[in-house]
């Protein structure tokens, strides 16, 4: 049995889809569906059981998980977390992103199961110390928001407990792709741009508030969710690898380039307008992220990654325009 927490989310549903393509359906999906449309991401997928996060955590607390599983636990792929970088409730973030993760790591260790979890590139802060996934640098990182700090706390806890070398923590960069509609304001710019351009013919991007970056030339490491899922499942196969690994494209692209790719995929002329960045996020805004990917490549991950333009085109033409979910393609 494989447990995928956050299995109805963007990366989680892509991981379940990837497992299905391998012929694996002995999966327990854990998530919190609430009042969102996230349940639609699960419809095309195949899995043995589903549990809401609160019910699942109760089983963790009372020792009832093995009986519910009814089969040996092979792996826990822990992707369930509050991923809102603007979340201000620190207590909630600690409970959801740290304490819950700690429980899962301990259960996986007790069961002898592979434990793969989502850390975050937000732990790198403003990037002054670079974007190296060298674990010896963990304690020196300074996240710029509480979300990043909650992820940092778990990374450091695993390191202190001597567990980090036997588990895998994945620092995902700017992941985009099908099955993200439910994320609201945390959706990728590709999805937001598609809606803006469809409605108005134009795309709004933040102005730069630094003299060394022109408007729209702030850069990110964008990674297609299909690549993110493939990199995640790589560690299910490669059980000797352990530690922290960046999951990104290894290159930086500007918001202007991303916007141009969206217009091209929609076969429309580019029309970008620049607006002021809200004051409340200016001090914590990252102007550049770029994953160092040599470490994951050294574990034997050799697959070619989608180019930004090809990924945006695939996403828009095969999922957003026909309104399909990952797995609907057959």
C-alpha atoms as a PDB file:
ATOM      1  CA  UNK A   1       0.000   0.000   0.000  1.00  0.00           C
ATOM      2  CA  UNK A   2       1.175   3.488  -0.846  1.00  0.00           C
ATOM      3  CA  UNK A   3      -0.209   6.507   1.011  1.00  0.00           C
ATOM      4  CA  UNK A   4      -0.348   9.792  -0.901  1.00  0.00           C
ATOM      5  CA  UNK A   5      -1.309  12.734   1.285  1.00  0.00           C
ATOM      6  CA  UNK A   6      -2.525  15.782  -0.594  1.00  0.00           C
ATOM      7  CA  UNK A   7      -3.494  13.249  -3.250  1.00  0.00           C
ATOM      8  CA  UNK A   8      -6.237  15.435  -4.702  1.00  0.00           C
ATOM      9  CA  UNK A   9      -3.933  18.424  -5.100  1.00  0.00           C
ATOM     10  CA  UNK A  10      -1.836  19.610  -8.007  1.00  0.00           C
ATOM     11  CA  UNK A  11       1.284  17.509  -7.443  1.00  0.00           C
ATOM     12  CA  UNK A  12      -0.475  14.772  -5.483  1.00  0.00           C
ATOM     13  CA  UNK A  13      -3.005  13.954  -8.189  1.00  0.00           C
ATOM     14  CA  UNK A  14      -0.181  13.917 -10.760  1.00  0.00           C
ATOM     15  CA  UNK A  15       1.705  11.436  -8.556  1.00  0.00           C
ATOM     16  CA  UNK A  16      -1.380   9.206  -8.245  1.00  0.00           C
ATOM     17  CA  UNK A  17      -1.816   9.458 -12.021  1.00  0.00           C
ATOM     18  CA  UNK A  18       1.822   8.450 -12.439  1.00  0.00           C
ATOM     19  CA  UNK A  19       1.316   5.452 -10.151  1.00  0.00           C
ATOM     20  CA  UNK A  20      -1.769   4.451 -12.131  1.00  0.00           C
ATOM     21  CA  UNK A  21       0.233   4.548 -15.352  1.00  0.00           C
ATOM     22  CA  UNK A  22       2.598   2.056 -13.713  1.00  0.00           C
ATOM     23  CA  UNK A  23      -0.350  -0.211 -12.962  1.00  0.00           C
ATOM     24  CA  UNK A  24      -0.444   0.680  -9.271  1.00  0.00           C
ATOM     25  CA  UNK A  25      -3.889   1.211  -7.738  1.00  0.00           C
ATOM     26  CA  UNK A  26      -3.221   0.005  -4.187  1.00  0.00           C
ATOM     27  CA  UNK A  27      -3.196   3.586  -2.956  1.00  0.00           C
ATOM     28  CA  UNK A  28      -4.716   5.372   0.020  1.00  0.00           C
ATOM     29  CA  UNK A  29      -5.407   8.983  -0.922  1.00  0.00           C
ATOM     30  CA  UNK A  30      -5.557  11.473   1.949  1.00  0.00           C
ATOM     31  CA  UNK A  31      -6.714  15.053   1.521  1.00  0.00           C
ATOM     32  CA  UNK A  32      -9.114  17.711   2.745  1.00  0.00           C
ATOM     33  CA  UNK A  33     -11.680  18.414   0.046  1.00  0.00           C
ATOM     34  CA  UNK A  34     -13.796  20.929   1.925  1.00  0.00           C
ATOM     35  CA  UNK A  35     -15.964  23.198  -0.197  1.00  0.00           C
ATOM     36  CA  UNK A  36     -13.567  23.282  -3.152  1.00  0.00           C
ATOM     37  CA  UNK A  37     -13.780  21.620  -6.536  1.00  0.00           C
ATOM     38  CA  UNK A  38     -10.661  19.614  -5.742  1.00  0.00           C
ATOM     39  CA  UNK A  39     -12.671  16.388  -5.747  1.00  0.00           C
ATOM     40  CA  UNK A  40     -12.857  16.646  -9.545  1.00  0.00           C
ATOM     41  CA  UNK A  41      -9.123  15.905  -9.713  1.00  0.00           C
ATOM     42  CA  UNK A  42      -9.784  12.462  -8.229  1.00  0.00           C
ATOM     43  CA  UNK A  43     -12.514  11.394 -10.656  1.00  0.00           C
ATOM     44  CA  UNK A  44     -10.243   9.984 -13.419  1.00  0.00           C
ATOM     45  CA  UNK A  45      -7.820   8.378 -10.937  1.00  0.00           C
ATOM     46  CA  UNK A  46      -7.775   4.847  -9.514  1.00  0.00           C
ATOM     47  CA  UNK A  47      -7.062   4.152  -5.857  1.00  0.00           C
ATOM     48  CA  UNK A  48      -8.157   1.710  -3.196  1.00  0.00           C
ATOM     49  CA  UNK A  49      -9.275   4.038  -0.414  1.00  0.00           C
ATOM     50  CA  UNK A  50      -9.758   7.686   0.513  1.00  0.00           C
ATOM     51  CA  UNK A  51      -9.620   9.410   3.900  1.00  0.00           C
ATOM     52  CA  UNK A  52     -10.128  12.984   4.931  1.00  0.00           C
ATOM     53  CA  UNK A  53      -7.057  14.404   6.624  1.00  0.00           C
ATOM     54  CA  UNK A  54      -8.653  14.706  10.086  1.00  0.00           C
ATOM     55  CA  UNK A  55      -9.841  11.084  10.050  1.00  0.00           C
ATOM     56  CA  UNK A  56      -6.426   9.957   8.847  1.00  0.00           C
ATOM     57  CA  UNK A  57      -4.659  11.870  11.612  1.00  0.00           C
ATOM     58  CA  UNK A  58      -6.955  10.266  14.178  1.00  0.00           C
ATOM     59  CA  UNK A  59      -5.829   6.854  12.920  1.00  0.00           C
ATOM     60  CA  UNK A  60      -2.219   7.967  13.271  1.00  0.00           C
ATOM     61  CA  UNK A  61      -2.868   9.061  16.863  1.00  0.00           C
ATOM     62  CA  UNK A  62      -4.744   5.949  17.999  1.00  0.00           C
ATOM     63  CA  UNK A  63      -2.657   3.366  16.168  1.00  0.00           C
ATOM     64  CA  UNK A  64      -5.511   2.308  13.910  1.00  0.00           C
ATOM     65  CA  UNK A  65      -3.754   2.891  10.595  1.00  0.00           C
ATOM     66  CA  UNK A  66      -2.417  -0.670   9.990  1.00  0.00           C
ATOM     67  CA  UNK A  67      -5.907  -2.164  10.400  1.00  0.00           C
ATOM     68  CA  UNK A  68      -7.376   0.382   7.994  1.00  0.00           C
ATOM     69  CA  UNK A  69      -4.686  -0.284   5.404  1.00  0.00           C
ATOM     70  CA  UNK A  70      -5.154  -4.048   5.490  1.00  0.00           C
ATOM     71  CA  UNK A  71      -1.807  -4.481   3.705  1.00  0.00           C
ATOM     72  CA  UNK A  72       1.870  -3.761   4.381  1.00  0.00           C
ATOM     73  CA  UNK A  73       2.798  -0.095   4.026  1.00  0.00           C
ATOM     74  CA  UNK A  74       5.287   0.306   1.187  1.00  0.00           C
ATOM     75  CA  UNK A  75       5.648   4.072   1.049  1.00  0.00           C
ATOM     76  CA  UNK A  76       4.298   7.388   2.253  1.00  0.00           C
ATOM     77  CA  UNK A  77       4.414  10.232  -0.261  1.00  0.00           C
ATOM     78  CA  UNK A  78       3.550  13.192   1.931  1.00  0.00           C
ATOM     79  CA  UNK A  79       2.442  16.153  -0.180  1.00  0.00           C
ATOM     80  CA  UNK A  80      -0.418  17.393   1.992  1.00  0.00           C
ATOM     81  CA  UNK A  81       0.272  20.789   3.530  1.00  0.00           C
ATOM     82  CA  UNK A  82      -0.918  24.348   3.716  1.00  0.00           C
ATOM     83  CA  UNK A  83       1.004  25.807   0.771  1.00  0.00           C
ATOM     84  CA  UNK A  84      -0.251  29.392   1.002  1.00  0.00           C
ATOM     85  CA  UNK A  85       2.807  31.615   1.270  1.00  0.00           C
ATOM     86  CA  UNK A  86       0.542  34.400   2.545  1.00  0.00           C
ATOM     87  CA  UNK A  87      -0.905  32.375   5.468  1.00  0.00           C
ATOM     88  CA  UNK A  88      -0.411  34.389   8.673  1.00  0.00           C
ATOM     89  CA  UNK A  89      -1.653  31.879  11.272  1.00  0.00           C
ATOM     90  CA  UNK A  90       1.644  30.495  12.537  1.00  0.00           C
ATOM     91  CA  UNK A  91      -0.014  28.063  14.929  1.00  0.00           C
ATOM     92  CA  UNK A  92      -2.012  26.518  12.091  1.00  0.00           C
ATOM     93  CA  UNK A  93       1.094  26.203   9.914  1.00  0.00           C
ATOM     94  CA  UNK A  94       3.075  24.520  12.700  1.00  0.00           C
ATOM     95  CA  UNK A  95       0.315  22.000  13.363  1.00  0.00           C
ATOM     96  CA  UNK A  96      -0.348  21.260   9.708  1.00  0.00           C
ATOM     97  CA  UNK A  97       3.119  21.445   8.160  1.00  0.00           C
ATOM     98  CA  UNK A  98       5.343  20.396  11.057  1.00  0.00           C
ATOM     99  CA  UNK A  99       3.552  18.348  13.707  1.00  0.00           C
ATOM    100  CA  UNK A 100       1.453  16.354  11.221  1.00  0.00           C
ATOM    101  CA  UNK A 101       4.541  15.680   9.082  1.00  0.00           C
ATOM    102  CA  UNK A 102       6.459  14.486  12.131  1.00  0.00           C
ATOM    103  CA  UNK A 103       3.737  11.965  12.971  1.00  0.00           C
ATOM    104  CA  UNK A 104       3.824  10.592   9.445  1.00  0.00           C
ATOM    105  CA  UNK A 105       7.610  10.293   9.387  1.00  0.00           C
ATOM    106  CA  UNK A 106       7.568   8.313  12.623  1.00  0.00           C
ATOM    107  CA  UNK A 107       4.821   5.981  11.397  1.00  0.00           C
ATOM    108  CA  UNK A 108       6.717   5.374   8.162  1.00  0.00           C
ATOM    109  CA  UNK A 109       9.846   4.542  10.154  1.00  0.00           C
ATOM    110  CA  UNK A 110       7.942   2.157  12.407  1.00  0.00           C
ATOM    111  CA  UNK A 111       6.454   0.400   9.385  1.00  0.00           C
ATOM    112  CA  UNK A 112       9.740   0.270   7.467  1.00  0.00           C
ATOM    113  CA  UNK A 113       8.148   2.288   4.656  1.00  0.00           C
ATOM    114  CA  UNK A 114       9.785   4.697   2.226  1.00  0.00           C
ATOM    115  CA  UNK A 115       9.071   8.309   3.259  1.00  0.00           C
ATOM    116  CA  UNK A 116       9.078  11.030   0.594  1.00  0.00           C
ATOM    117  CA  UNK A 117       7.811  14.476   1.532  1.00  0.00           C
ATOM    118  CA  UNK A 118       7.396  17.978   0.173  1.00  0.00           C
ATOM    119  CA  UNK A 119       9.771  20.520   1.592  1.00  0.00           C
ATOM    120  CA  UNK A 120       9.780  23.831  -0.291  1.00  0.00           C
ATOM    121  CA  UNK A 121      12.003  26.191  -2.232  1.00  0.00           C
ATOM    122  CA  UNK A 122      10.520  28.883   0.044  1.00  0.00           C
ATOM    123  CA  UNK A 123      13.044  27.725   2.664  1.00  0.00           C
ATOM    124  CA  UNK A 124      15.785  29.443   0.623  1.00  0.00           C
ATOM    125  CA  UNK A 125      14.409  32.873   1.476  1.00  0.00           C
ATOM    126  CA  UNK A 126      15.619  35.701  -0.738  1.00  0.00           C
ATOM    127  CA  UNK A 127      18.250  33.533  -2.397  1.00  0.00           C
ATOM    128  CA  UNK A 128      21.239  35.396  -0.966  1.00  0.00           C
ATOM    129  CA  UNK A 129      22.741  32.059   0.083  1.00  0.00           C
ATOM    130  CA  UNK A 130      21.957  30.437  -3.246  1.00  0.00           C
ATOM    131  CA  UNK A 131      19.681  27.502  -3.989  1.00  0.00           C
ATOM    132  CA  UNK A 132      21.878  24.550  -3.111  1.00  0.00           C
ATOM    133  CA  UNK A 133      20.167  21.419  -1.758  1.00  0.00           C
ATOM    134  CA  UNK A 134      23.239  20.557   0.304  1.00  0.00           C
ATOM    135  CA  UNK A 135      21.880  19.447   3.706  1.00  0.00           C
ATOM    136  CA  UNK A 136      24.873  20.882   5.544  1.00  0.00           C
ATOM    137  CA  UNK A 137      23.543  24.358   4.705  1.00  0.00           C
ATOM    138  CA  UNK A 138      20.039  23.818   6.103  1.00  0.00           C
ATOM    139  CA  UNK A 139      20.589  25.621   9.395  1.00  0.00           C
ATOM    140  CA  UNK A 140      21.909  28.733   7.646  1.00  0.00           C
ATOM    141  CA  UNK A 141      18.791  29.252   5.494  1.00  0.00           C
ATOM    142  CA  UNK A 142      16.450  32.114   6.392  1.00  0.00           C
ATOM    143  CA  UNK A 143      12.893  31.730   5.012  1.00  0.00           C
ATOM    144  CA  UNK A 144      11.042  34.973   4.372  1.00  0.00           C
ATOM    145  CA  UNK A 145       7.558  33.832   5.364  1.00  0.00           C
ATOM    146  CA  UNK A 146       5.947  31.564   7.925  1.00  0.00           C
ATOM    147  CA  UNK A 147       5.073  28.933   5.333  1.00  0.00           C
ATOM    148  CA  UNK A 148       8.743  28.551   4.410  1.00  0.00           C
ATOM    149  CA  UNK A 149       9.721  28.445   8.083  1.00  0.00           C
ATOM    150  CA  UNK A 150       7.215  25.667   8.857  1.00  0.00           C
ATOM    151  CA  UNK A 151       8.854  23.587   6.107  1.00  0.00           C
ATOM    152  CA  UNK A 152      12.319  24.494   7.368  1.00  0.00           C
ATOM    153  CA  UNK A 153      11.419  23.321  10.869  1.00  0.00           C
ATOM    154  CA  UNK A 154      10.562  19.842   9.609  1.00  0.00           C
ATOM    155  CA  UNK A 155      13.739  19.585   7.521  1.00  0.00           C
ATOM    156  CA  UNK A 156      15.799  20.522  10.574  1.00  0.00           C
ATOM    157  CA  UNK A 157      13.906  18.144  12.864  1.00  0.00           C
ATOM    158  CA  UNK A 158      14.626  15.211  10.552  1.00  0.00           C
ATOM    159  CA  UNK A 159      18.264  16.235  10.462  1.00  0.00           C
ATOM    160  CA  UNK A 160      18.522  16.439  14.257  1.00  0.00           C
ATOM    161  CA  UNK A 161      16.812  13.056  14.637  1.00  0.00           C
ATOM    162  CA  UNK A 162      19.278  11.448  12.234  1.00  0.00           C
ATOM    163  CA  UNK A 163      16.486  10.551   9.809  1.00  0.00           C
ATOM    164  CA  UNK A 164      17.224  12.860   6.903  1.00  0.00           C
ATOM    165  CA  UNK A 165      19.610  10.489   5.163  1.00  0.00           C
ATOM    166  CA  UNK A 166      17.013   7.718   4.981  1.00  0.00           C
ATOM    167  CA  UNK A 167      14.066   9.821   3.762  1.00  0.00           C
ATOM    168  CA  UNK A 168      13.640  12.190   0.810  1.00  0.00           C
ATOM    169  CA  UNK A 169      12.639  15.834   1.094  1.00  0.00           C
ATOM    170  CA  UNK A 170      11.735  17.550  -2.174  1.00  0.00           C
ATOM    171  CA  UNK A 171      12.042  21.304  -2.598  1.00  0.00           C
ATOM    172  CA  UNK A 172       9.530  22.055  -5.335  1.00  0.00           C
ATOM    173  CA  UNK A 173       9.940  25.283  -7.252  1.00  0.00           C
ATOM    174  CA  UNK A 174       7.158  26.988  -9.276  1.00  0.00           C
ATOM    175  CA  UNK A 175       5.056  23.988 -10.251  1.00  0.00           C
ATOM    176  CA  UNK A 176       2.219  24.511 -12.720  1.00  0.00           C
ATOM    177  CA  UNK A 177      -0.091  22.332 -14.744  1.00  0.00           C
ATOM    178  CA  UNK A 178      -3.465  20.575 -14.849  1.00  0.00           C
ATOM    179  CA  UNK A 179      -5.473  20.071 -11.639  1.00  0.00           C
ATOM    180  CA  UNK A 180      -4.710  23.391  -9.965  1.00  0.00           C
ATOM    181  CA  UNK A 181      -8.049  25.188 -10.408  1.00  0.00           C
ATOM    182  CA  UNK A 182      -8.968  24.620  -6.750  1.00  0.00           C
ATOM    183  CA  UNK A 183      -5.918  26.563  -5.482  1.00  0.00           C
ATOM    184  CA  UNK A 184      -7.535  29.991  -5.751  1.00  0.00           C
ATOM    185  CA  UNK A 185      -4.946  32.751  -5.417  1.00  0.00           C
ATOM    186  CA  UNK A 186      -2.194  30.136  -5.151  1.00  0.00           C
ATOM    187  CA  UNK A 187      -2.799  28.963  -8.727  1.00  0.00           C
ATOM    188  CA  UNK A 188       0.071  29.386 -11.153  1.00  0.00           C
ATOM    189  CA  UNK A 189       0.284  32.456 -13.362  1.00  0.00           C
ATOM    190  CA  UNK A 190      -0.389  30.208 -16.366  1.00  0.00           C
ATOM    191  CA  UNK A 191      -3.872  29.372 -15.108  1.00  0.00           C
ATOM    192  CA  UNK A 192      -4.554  32.944 -13.968  1.00  0.00           C
ATOM    193  CA  UNK A 193      -3.231  34.368 -17.237  1.00  0.00           C
ATOM    194  CA  UNK A 194      -5.417  32.038 -19.274  1.00  0.00           C
ATOM    195  CA  UNK A 195      -8.487  33.348 -17.436  1.00  0.00           C
ATOM    196  CA  UNK A 196      -7.408  37.013 -17.630  1.00  0.00           C
ATOM    197  CA  UNK A 197      -6.604  36.851 -21.325  1.00  0.00           C
ATOM    198  CA  UNK A 198      -9.798  34.945 -22.096  1.00  0.00           C
ATOM    199  CA  UNK A 199     -11.811  37.657 -20.352  1.00  0.00           C
ATOM    200  CA  UNK A 200      -9.940  40.837 -21.311  1.00  0.00           C
ATOM    201  CA  UNK A 201      -7.361  40.033 -23.983  1.00  0.00           C
ATOM    202  CA  UNK A 202      -4.604  41.328 -21.677  1.00  0.00           C
ATOM    203  CA  UNK A 203      -2.352  40.043 -18.883  1.00  0.00           C
ATOM    204  CA  UNK A 204      -1.403  42.023 -15.791  1.00  0.00           C
ATOM    205  CA  UNK A 205       2.041  41.498 -14.274  1.00  0.00           C
ATOM    206  CA  UNK A 206       3.664  43.135 -11.254  1.00  0.00           C
ATOM    207  CA  UNK A 207       6.011  46.012 -11.821  1.00  0.00           C
ATOM    208  CA  UNK A 208       9.508  45.641 -10.463  1.00  0.00           C
ATOM    209  CA  UNK A 209      10.354  47.661  -7.379  1.00  0.00           C
ATOM    210  CA  UNK A 210      14.092  47.089  -7.741  1.00  0.00           C
ATOM    211  CA  UNK A 211      16.261  49.062 -10.170  1.00  0.00           C
ATOM    212  CA  UNK A 212      18.194  45.964 -11.248  1.00  0.00           C
ATOM    213  CA  UNK A 213      15.073  44.254 -12.635  1.00  0.00           C
ATOM    214  CA  UNK A 214      12.860  45.671 -15.385  1.00  0.00           C
ATOM    215  CA  UNK A 215       9.098  45.251 -15.124  1.00  0.00           C
ATOM    216  CA  UNK A 216       8.144  41.623 -15.675  1.00  0.00           C
ATOM    217  CA  UNK A 217      11.772  40.511 -15.719  1.00  0.00           C
ATOM    218  CA  UNK A 218      11.652  39.006 -12.245  1.00  0.00           C
ATOM    219  CA  UNK A 219      12.517  35.335 -12.777  1.00  0.00           C
ATOM    220  CA  UNK A 220      11.440  31.956 -11.463  1.00  0.00           C
ATOM    221  CA  UNK A 221      12.349  28.339 -11.978  1.00  0.00           C
ATOM    222  CA  UNK A 222       9.157  26.983 -13.532  1.00  0.00           C
ATOM    223  CA  UNK A 223       8.587  23.225 -13.562  1.00  0.00           C
ATOM    224  CA  UNK A 224       5.729  21.378 -15.245  1.00  0.00           C
ATOM    225  CA  UNK A 225       3.727  19.186 -12.871  1.00  0.00           C
ATOM    226  CA  UNK A 226       4.345  16.147 -15.094  1.00  0.00           C
ATOM    227  CA  UNK A 227       8.086  16.572 -14.481  1.00  0.00           C
ATOM    228  CA  UNK A 228       7.556  17.224 -10.765  1.00  0.00           C
ATOM    229  CA  UNK A 229       5.576  13.985 -10.432  1.00  0.00           C
ATOM    230  CA  UNK A 230       8.159  12.005 -12.402  1.00  0.00           C
ATOM    231  CA  UNK A 231      10.965  13.318 -10.185  1.00  0.00           C
ATOM    232  CA  UNK A 232       8.960  12.411  -7.092  1.00  0.00           C
ATOM    233  CA  UNK A 233       8.336   8.851  -8.244  1.00  0.00           C
ATOM    234  CA  UNK A 234      12.008   8.513  -9.155  1.00  0.00           C
ATOM    235  CA  UNK A 235      12.700   8.262  -5.427  1.00  0.00           C
ATOM    236  CA  UNK A 236      10.143   5.519  -5.025  1.00  0.00           C
ATOM    237  CA  UNK A 237      12.298   3.459  -7.386  1.00  0.00           C
ATOM    238  CA  UNK A 238      15.654   4.676  -6.082  1.00  0.00           C
ATOM    239  CA  UNK A 239      15.469   3.702  -2.426  1.00  0.00           C
ATOM    240  CA  UNK A 240      19.156   4.190  -1.760  1.00  0.00           C
ATOM    241  CA  UNK A 241      18.932   7.963  -2.236  1.00  0.00           C
ATOM    242  CA  UNK A 242      18.194  10.115   0.790  1.00  0.00           C
ATOM    243  CA  UNK A 243      18.272  13.742   1.859  1.00  0.00           C
ATOM    244  CA  UNK A 244      17.067  17.017   0.378  1.00  0.00           C
ATOM    245  CA  UNK A 245      16.656  17.426  -3.382  1.00  0.00           C
ATOM    246  CA  UNK A 246      15.563  20.357  -5.533  1.00  0.00           C
ATOM    247  CA  UNK A 247      12.710  19.681  -7.948  1.00  0.00           C
ATOM    248  CA  UNK A 248      12.948  22.333 -10.627  1.00  0.00           C
ATOM    249  CA  UNK A 249      13.936  22.926 -14.201  1.00  0.00           C
ATOM    250  CA  UNK A 250      17.417  24.158 -13.371  1.00  0.00           C
ATOM    251  CA  UNK A 251      16.927  27.409 -15.300  1.00  0.00           C
ATOM    252  CA  UNK A 252      15.207  30.727 -14.675  1.00  0.00           C
ATOM    253  CA  UNK A 253      12.602  32.361 -16.911  1.00  0.00           C
ATOM    254  CA  UNK A 254      10.975  35.764 -16.579  1.00  0.00           C
ATOM    255  CA  UNK A 255       7.302  36.432 -16.041  1.00  0.00           C
ATOM    256  CA  UNK A 256       7.387  38.208 -19.417  1.00  0.00           C
ATOM    257  CA  UNK A 257       8.571  35.022 -21.111  1.00  0.00           C
ATOM    258  CA  UNK A 258       5.894  32.995 -19.347  1.00  0.00           C
ATOM    259  CA  UNK A 259       3.243  35.497 -20.411  1.00  0.00           C
ATOM    260  CA  UNK A 260       4.427  35.366 -24.007  1.00  0.00           C
ATOM    261  CA  UNK A 261       4.179  31.560 -23.923  1.00  0.00           C
ATOM    262  CA  UNK A 262       0.564  31.792 -22.742  1.00  0.00           C
ATOM    263  CA  UNK A 263      -0.387  34.214 -25.532  1.00  0.00           C
ATOM    264  CA  UNK A 264       1.343  31.953 -28.076  1.00  0.00           C
ATOM    265  CA  UNK A 265      -0.510  28.871 -26.827  1.00  0.00           C
ATOM    266  CA  UNK A 266      -3.784  30.763 -27.092  1.00  0.00           C
ATOM    267  CA  UNK A 267      -2.779  32.031 -30.549  1.00  0.00           C
ATOM    268  CA  UNK A 268      -3.328  35.645 -29.529  1.00  0.00           C
ATOM    269  CA  UNK A 269      -1.134  38.766 -29.799  1.00  0.00           C
ATOM    270  CA  UNK A 270       0.831  39.539 -26.653  1.00  0.00           C
ATOM    271  CA  UNK A 271      -0.591  42.376 -24.546  1.00  0.00           C
ATOM    272  CA  UNK A 272       0.993  42.784 -21.113  1.00  0.00           C
ATOM    273  CA  UNK A 273       0.165  45.553 -18.636  1.00  0.00           C
ATOM    274  CA  UNK A 274       2.203  46.241 -15.499  1.00  0.00           C
ATOM    275  CA  UNK A 275       0.648  47.050 -12.135  1.00  0.00           C
ATOM    276  CA  UNK A 276       2.094  48.017  -8.754  1.00  0.00           C
ATOM    277  CA  UNK A 277       3.004  45.188  -6.450  1.00  0.00           C
ATOM    278  CA  UNK A 278       0.906  45.277  -3.245  1.00  0.00           C
ATOM    279  CA  UNK A 279       2.913  46.921  -0.432  1.00  0.00           C
ATOM    280  CA  UNK A 280       2.271  44.015   1.932  1.00  0.00           C
ATOM    281  CA  UNK A 281       4.301  41.582  -0.182  1.00  0.00           C
ATOM    282  CA  UNK A 282       7.084  43.833  -1.462  1.00  0.00           C
ATOM    283  CA  UNK A 283       9.491  43.127   1.398  1.00  0.00           C
ATOM    284  CA  UNK A 284       9.191  39.340   1.046  1.00  0.00           C
ATOM    285  CA  UNK A 285       8.942  39.098  -2.737  1.00  0.00           C
ATOM    286  CA  UNK A 286      11.531  36.862  -4.410  1.00  0.00           C
ATOM    287  CA  UNK A 287      13.038  38.387  -7.560  1.00  0.00           C
ATOM    288  CA  UNK A 288      14.920  35.255  -8.598  1.00  0.00           C
ATOM    289  CA  UNK A 289      14.718  31.532  -7.946  1.00  0.00           C
ATOM    290  CA  UNK A 290      16.664  28.863  -9.788  1.00  0.00           C
ATOM    291  CA  UNK A 291      17.113  25.276  -8.693  1.00  0.00           C
ATOM    292  CA  UNK A 292      20.473  23.595  -8.607  1.00  0.00           C
ATOM    293  CA  UNK A 293      19.628  20.176 -10.058  1.00  0.00           C
ATOM    294  CA  UNK A 294      22.986  18.432 -10.104  1.00  0.00           C
ATOM    295  CA  UNK A 295      22.178  16.453  -6.976  1.00  0.00           C
ATOM    296  CA  UNK A 296      18.991  14.840  -8.292  1.00  0.00           C
ATOM    297  CA  UNK A 297      20.737  14.107 -11.586  1.00  0.00           C
ATOM    298  CA  UNK A 298      23.506  12.381  -9.636  1.00  0.00           C
ATOM    299  CA  UNK A 299      20.948   9.902  -8.276  1.00  0.00           C
ATOM    300  CA  UNK A 300      20.268   8.702 -11.818  1.00  0.00           C
ATOM    301  CA  UNK A 301      17.405  10.941 -12.906  1.00  0.00           C
ATOM    302  CA  UNK A 302      18.179  11.355 -16.608  1.00  0.00           C
ATOM    303  CA  UNK A 303      14.814  12.251 -18.168  1.00  0.00           C
ATOM    304  CA  UNK A 304      14.569  15.345 -20.333  1.00  0.00           C
ATOM    305  CA  UNK A 305      12.354  18.066 -18.889  1.00  0.00           C
ATOM    306  CA  UNK A 306       9.560  19.896 -20.681  1.00  0.00           C
ATOM    307  CA  UNK A 307      10.634  23.281 -22.006  1.00  0.00           C
ATOM    308  CA  UNK A 308       8.626  26.201 -20.631  1.00  0.00           C
ATOM    309  CA  UNK A 309       6.939  26.912 -23.959  1.00  0.00           C
ATOM    310  CA  UNK A 310       6.092  23.248 -24.643  1.00  0.00           C
ATOM    311  CA  UNK A 311       4.710  22.754 -21.143  1.00  0.00           C
ATOM    312  CA  UNK A 312       2.543  25.894 -21.312  1.00  0.00           C
ATOM    313  CA  UNK A 313       1.226  24.834 -24.715  1.00  0.00           C
ATOM    314  CA  UNK A 314       0.407  21.312 -23.503  1.00  0.00           C
ATOM    315  CA  UNK A 315      -1.333  22.628 -20.404  1.00  0.00           C
ATOM    316  CA  UNK A 316      -3.456  25.206 -22.204  1.00  0.00           C
ATOM    317  CA  UNK A 317      -4.322  23.274 -25.358  1.00  0.00           C
ATOM    318  CA  UNK A 318      -4.866  19.842 -23.819  1.00  0.00           C
ATOM    319  CA  UNK A 319      -6.331  20.737 -20.417  1.00  0.00           C
ATOM    320  CA  UNK A 320      -7.476  24.346 -19.942  1.00  0.00           C
ATOM    321  CA  UNK A 321      -9.201  24.896 -23.288  1.00  0.00           C
ATOM    322  CA  UNK A 322     -11.014  21.510 -23.327  1.00  0.00           C
ATOM    323  CA  UNK A 323     -11.537  21.766 -19.512  1.00  0.00           C
ATOM    324  CA  UNK A 324      -9.982  18.399 -18.768  1.00  0.00           C
ATOM    325  CA  UNK A 325      -8.204  16.970 -15.737  1.00  0.00           C
ATOM    326  CA  UNK A 326      -5.050  14.891 -15.592  1.00  0.00           C
ATOM    327  CA  UNK A 327      -6.156  11.363 -16.363  1.00  0.00           C
ATOM    328  CA  UNK A 328      -9.023  12.375 -18.663  1.00  0.00           C
ATOM    329  CA  UNK A 329      -6.702  11.998 -21.626  1.00  0.00           C
ATOM    330  CA  UNK A 330      -6.958   8.203 -21.359  1.00  0.00           C
END
